[in-house]
PDB file of N, CA and C in Angstrom:
ATOM      1  N   MET A   1      53.224  68.693 -13.828  1.00  0.00           N
ATOM      2  CA  MET A   1      54.567  69.589 -14.045  1.00  0.00           C
ATOM      3  C   MET A   1      55.490  69.522 -12.855  1.00  0.00           C
ATOM      4  N   ASP A   2      55.353  69.588 -11.524  1.00  0.00           N
ATOM      5  CA  ASP A   2      55.784  69.340 -10.156  1.00  0.00           C
ATOM      6  C   ASP A   2      56.249  68.018 -10.030  1.00  0.00           C
ATOM      7  N   ASN A   3      55.373  66.640 -10.805  1.00  0.00           N
ATOM      8  CA  ASN A   3      55.633  65.698 -10.046  1.00  0.00           C
ATOM      9  C   ASN A   3      57.039  65.313 -11.067  1.00  0.00           C
ATOM     10  N   PHE A   4      56.592  65.567 -12.332  1.00  0.00           N
ATOM     11  CA  PHE A   4      57.842  65.391 -13.394  1.00  0.00           C
ATOM     12  C   PHE A   4      59.163  65.916 -13.245  1.00  0.00           C
ATOM     13  N   ILE A   5      59.106  67.113 -12.529  1.00  0.00           N
ATOM     14  CA  ILE A   5      60.220  67.622 -12.388  1.00  0.00           C
ATOM     15  C   ILE A   5      61.088  67.199 -10.941  1.00  0.00           C
ATOM     16  N   HIS A   6      59.972  66.638 -10.173  1.00  0.00           N
ATOM     17  CA  HIS A   6      60.338  66.184  -8.338  1.00  0.00           C
ATOM     18  C   HIS A   6      61.132  64.165  -9.289  1.00  0.00           C
ATOM     19  N   THR A   7      60.359  63.914 -10.301  1.00  0.00           N
ATOM     20  CA  THR A   7      60.917  62.545 -10.458  1.00  0.00           C
ATOM     21  C   THR A   7      62.713  62.999 -11.757  1.00  0.00           C
ATOM     22  N   GLU A   8      62.347  64.071 -12.422  1.00  0.00           N
ATOM     23  CA  GLU A   8      63.692  63.675 -13.186  1.00  0.00           C
ATOM     24  C   GLU A   8      64.976  64.249 -11.996  1.00  0.00           C
ATOM     25  N   ASN A   9      64.579  64.867 -11.227  1.00  0.00           N
ATOM     26  CA  ASN A   9      65.471  65.898 -10.198  1.00  0.00           C
ATOM     27  C   ASN A   9      66.324  63.969  -9.288  1.00  0.00           C
ATOM     28  N   LEU A  10      65.085  63.380  -9.175  1.00  0.00           N
ATOM     29  CA  LEU A  10      65.725  62.581  -8.230  1.00  0.00           C
ATOM     30  C   LEU A  10      66.657  61.500  -9.244  1.00  0.00           C
ATOM     31  N   LYS A  11      66.534  60.733 -10.688  1.00  0.00           N
ATOM     32  CA  LYS A  11      66.726  60.634 -11.535  1.00  0.00           C
ATOM     33  C   LYS A  11      68.389  61.244 -11.637  1.00  0.00           C
ATOM     34  N   LEU A  12      68.548  62.503 -11.610  1.00  0.00           N
ATOM     35  CA  LEU A  12      69.439  62.769 -11.684  1.00  0.00           C
ATOM     36  C   LEU A  12      70.695  63.041 -10.995  1.00  0.00           C
ATOM     37  N   PHE A  13      70.203  63.186  -9.624  1.00  0.00           N
ATOM     38  CA  PHE A  13      70.675  62.840  -8.816  1.00  0.00           C
ATOM     39  C   PHE A  13      71.248  61.731  -8.065  1.00  0.00           C
ATOM     40  N   ARG A  14      70.355  60.947  -8.297  1.00  0.00           N
ATOM     41  CA  ARG A  14      70.686  59.181  -8.186  1.00  0.00           C
ATOM     42  C   ARG A  14      71.920  58.824  -9.191  1.00  0.00           C
ATOM     43  N   LYS A  15      71.983  59.457 -10.698  1.00  0.00           N
ATOM     44  CA  LYS A  15      72.920  59.345 -11.688  1.00  0.00           C
ATOM     45  C   LYS A  15      74.119  59.710 -11.368  1.00  0.00           C
ATOM     46  N   VAL A  16      74.069  60.673 -10.911  1.00  0.00           N
ATOM     47  CA  VAL A  16      75.236  61.769 -10.533  1.00  0.00           C
ATOM     48  C   VAL A  16      76.063  60.729  -9.556  1.00  0.00           C
ATOM     49  N   LEU A  17      75.264  60.547  -8.648  1.00  0.00           N
ATOM     50  CA  LEU A  17      76.009  60.146  -7.172  1.00  0.00           C
ATOM     51  C   LEU A  17      76.327  58.433  -7.685  1.00  0.00           C
ATOM     52  N   ASP A  18      75.819  57.724  -7.974  1.00  0.00           N
ATOM     53  CA  ASP A  18      76.552  56.582  -8.640  1.00  0.00           C
ATOM     54  C   ASP A  18      77.596  56.697  -9.698  1.00  0.00           C
ATOM     55  N   GLU A  19      78.055  57.952  -9.872  1.00  0.00           N
ATOM     56  CA  GLU A  19      79.089  57.975 -11.324  1.00  0.00           C
ATOM     57  C   GLU A  19      79.875  58.548 -10.429  1.00  0.00           C
ATOM     58  N   THR A  20      79.995  59.670  -9.054  1.00  0.00           N
ATOM     59  CA  THR A  20      81.156  60.520  -8.693  1.00  0.00           C
ATOM     60  C   THR A  20      81.311  59.771  -7.892  1.00  0.00           C
ATOM     61  N   THR A  21      82.931  59.827  -6.453  1.00  0.00           N
ATOM     62  CA  THR A  21      83.781  58.927  -5.566  1.00  0.00           C
ATOM     63  C   THR A  21      84.276  60.032  -4.611  1.00  0.00           C
ATOM     64  N   ASP A  22      83.618  61.324  -5.206  1.00  0.00           N
ATOM     65  CA  ASP A  22      83.817  62.789  -4.656  1.00  0.00           C
ATOM     66  C   ASP A  22      83.172  62.300  -3.306  1.00  0.00           C
ATOM     67  N   GLU A  23      83.461  62.188  -1.743  1.00  0.00           N
ATOM     68  CA  GLU A  23      82.889  62.225  -0.593  1.00  0.00           C
ATOM     69  C   GLU A  23      82.045  63.207  -0.462  1.00  0.00           C
ATOM     70  N   SER A  24      82.627  64.734  -0.444  1.00  0.00           N
ATOM     71  CA  SER A  24      81.636  65.617  -0.257  1.00  0.00           C
ATOM     72  C   SER A  24      80.515  65.670  -1.347  1.00  0.00           C
ATOM     73  N   LYS A  25      81.116  65.383  -2.851  1.00  0.00           N
ATOM     74  CA  LYS A  25      79.812  65.407  -2.968  1.00  0.00           C
ATOM     75  C   LYS A  25      78.678  64.639  -3.257  1.00  0.00           C
ATOM     76  N   ARG A  26      79.194  62.971  -2.981  1.00  0.00           N
ATOM     77  CA  ARG A  26      78.475  62.130  -2.476  1.00  0.00           C
ATOM     78  C   ARG A  26      77.221  62.980  -1.562  1.00  0.00           C
ATOM     79  N   LYS A  27      77.975  63.850  -0.092  1.00  0.00           N
ATOM     80  CA  LYS A  27      77.027  64.156   0.598  1.00  0.00           C
ATOM     81  C   LYS A  27      76.293  65.012   0.409  1.00  0.00           C
ATOM     82  N   CYS A  28      76.746  65.594  -0.556  1.00  0.00           N
ATOM     83  CA  CYS A  28      75.258  66.828  -1.144  1.00  0.00           C
ATOM     84  C   CYS A  28      74.520  66.382  -1.632  1.00  0.00           C
ATOM     85  N   LEU A  29      74.946  65.400  -2.463  1.00  0.00           N
ATOM     86  CA  LEU A  29      73.807  64.547  -3.835  1.00  0.00           C
ATOM     87  C   LEU A  29      72.857  63.993  -2.448  1.00  0.00           C
ATOM     88  N   LEU A  30      73.340  63.268  -1.806  1.00  0.00           N
ATOM     89  CA  LEU A  30      72.647  62.418  -0.522  1.00  0.00           C
ATOM     90  C   LEU A  30      71.455  62.960  -0.136  1.00  0.00           C
ATOM     91  N   GLU A  31      71.654  64.430   0.734  1.00  0.00           N
ATOM     92  CA  GLU A  31      71.033  65.508   0.758  1.00  0.00           C
ATOM     93  C   GLU A  31      70.090  66.028   0.048  1.00  0.00           C
ATOM     94  N   LEU A  32      70.368  66.348  -0.697  1.00  0.00           N
ATOM     95  CA  LEU A  32      69.875  67.002  -2.031  1.00  0.00           C
ATOM     96  C   LEU A  32      68.280  65.717  -1.879  1.00  0.00           C
ATOM     97  N   ILE A  33      68.966  64.390  -2.521  1.00  0.00           N
ATOM     98  CA  ILE A  33      68.095  63.406  -2.532  1.00  0.00           C
ATOM     99  C   ILE A  33      67.017  62.932  -1.436  1.00  0.00           C
ATOM    100  N   ARG A  34      67.572  63.984  -0.469  1.00  0.00           N
ATOM    101  CA  ARG A  34      66.826  63.343   0.810  1.00  0.00           C
ATOM    102  C   ARG A  34      65.532  64.169   1.022  1.00  0.00           C
ATOM    103  N   ASP A  35      66.358  65.703   0.219  1.00  0.00           N
ATOM    104  CA  ASP A  35      65.107  66.912   0.932  1.00  0.00           C
ATOM    105  C   ASP A  35      64.132  66.619  -0.658  1.00  0.00           C
ATOM    106  N   GLU A  36      65.094  66.261  -1.733  1.00  0.00           N
ATOM    107  CA  GLU A  36      63.931  65.904  -2.697  1.00  0.00           C
ATOM    108  C   GLU A  36      62.685  64.260  -2.251  1.00  0.00           C
ATOM    109  N   MET A  37      63.082  63.858  -1.765  1.00  0.00           N
ATOM    110  CA  MET A  37      62.303  62.655  -1.787  1.00  0.00           C
ATOM    111  C   MET A  37      60.919  63.301  -0.568  1.00  0.00           C
ATOM    112  N   ALA A  38      61.694  64.114   0.488  1.00  0.00           N
ATOM    113  CA  ALA A  38      60.683  64.291   1.703  1.00  0.00           C
ATOM    114  C   ALA A  38      59.607  65.337   1.077  1.00  0.00           C
ATOM    115  N   LYS A  39      59.847  65.921  -0.168  1.00  0.00           N
ATOM    116  CA  LYS A  39      58.699  66.354  -0.389  1.00  0.00           C
ATOM    117  C   LYS A  39      57.721  65.345  -1.611  1.00  0.00           C
ATOM    118  N   GLU A  40      57.593  64.705  -1.431  1.00  0.00           N
ATOM    119  CA  GLU A  40      56.865  63.326  -1.806  1.00  0.00           C
ATOM    120  C   GLU A  40      55.469  63.874  -1.195  1.00  0.00           C
ATOM    121  N   PRO A  41      54.380  63.598  -1.472  1.00  0.00           N
ATOM    122  CA  PRO A  41      53.162  63.656  -0.895  1.00  0.00           C
ATOM    123  C   PRO A  41      52.845  62.404  -0.401  1.00  0.00           C
ATOM    124  N   LYS A  42      52.375  62.753   0.669  1.00  0.00           N
ATOM    125  CA  LYS A  42      52.467  61.217   1.904  1.00  0.00           C
ATOM    126  C   LYS A  42      51.418  60.719   1.432  1.00  0.00           C
ATOM    127  N   PRO A  43      51.477  59.195   1.661  1.00  0.00           N
ATOM    128  CA  PRO A  43      50.160  58.420   1.248  1.00  0.00           C
ATOM    129  C   PRO A  43      48.818  58.432   2.218  1.00  0.00           C
ATOM    130  N   LYS A  44      47.733  58.456   1.534  1.00  0.00           N
ATOM    131  CA  LYS A  44      46.279  58.767   2.310  1.00  0.00           C
ATOM    132  C   LYS A  44      46.083  57.736   2.719  1.00  0.00           C
ATOM    133  N   GLN A  45      45.858  57.445   3.902  1.00  0.00           N
ATOM    134  CA  GLN A  45      44.848  55.848   4.505  1.00  0.00           C
ATOM    135  C   GLN A  45      43.475  56.612   4.636  1.00  0.00           C
TER     136      GLN A  45
END
């Protein structure tokens, strides 16, 4: 379930980022994407 939410959050953030031109919103969205991507598990070696 957490993986689904993580994936959907990234889709939504990227979609809104593509649609907005407001620089402050874009910065916020980029930060949200960065934070969400930081939650991804590290690949095992």
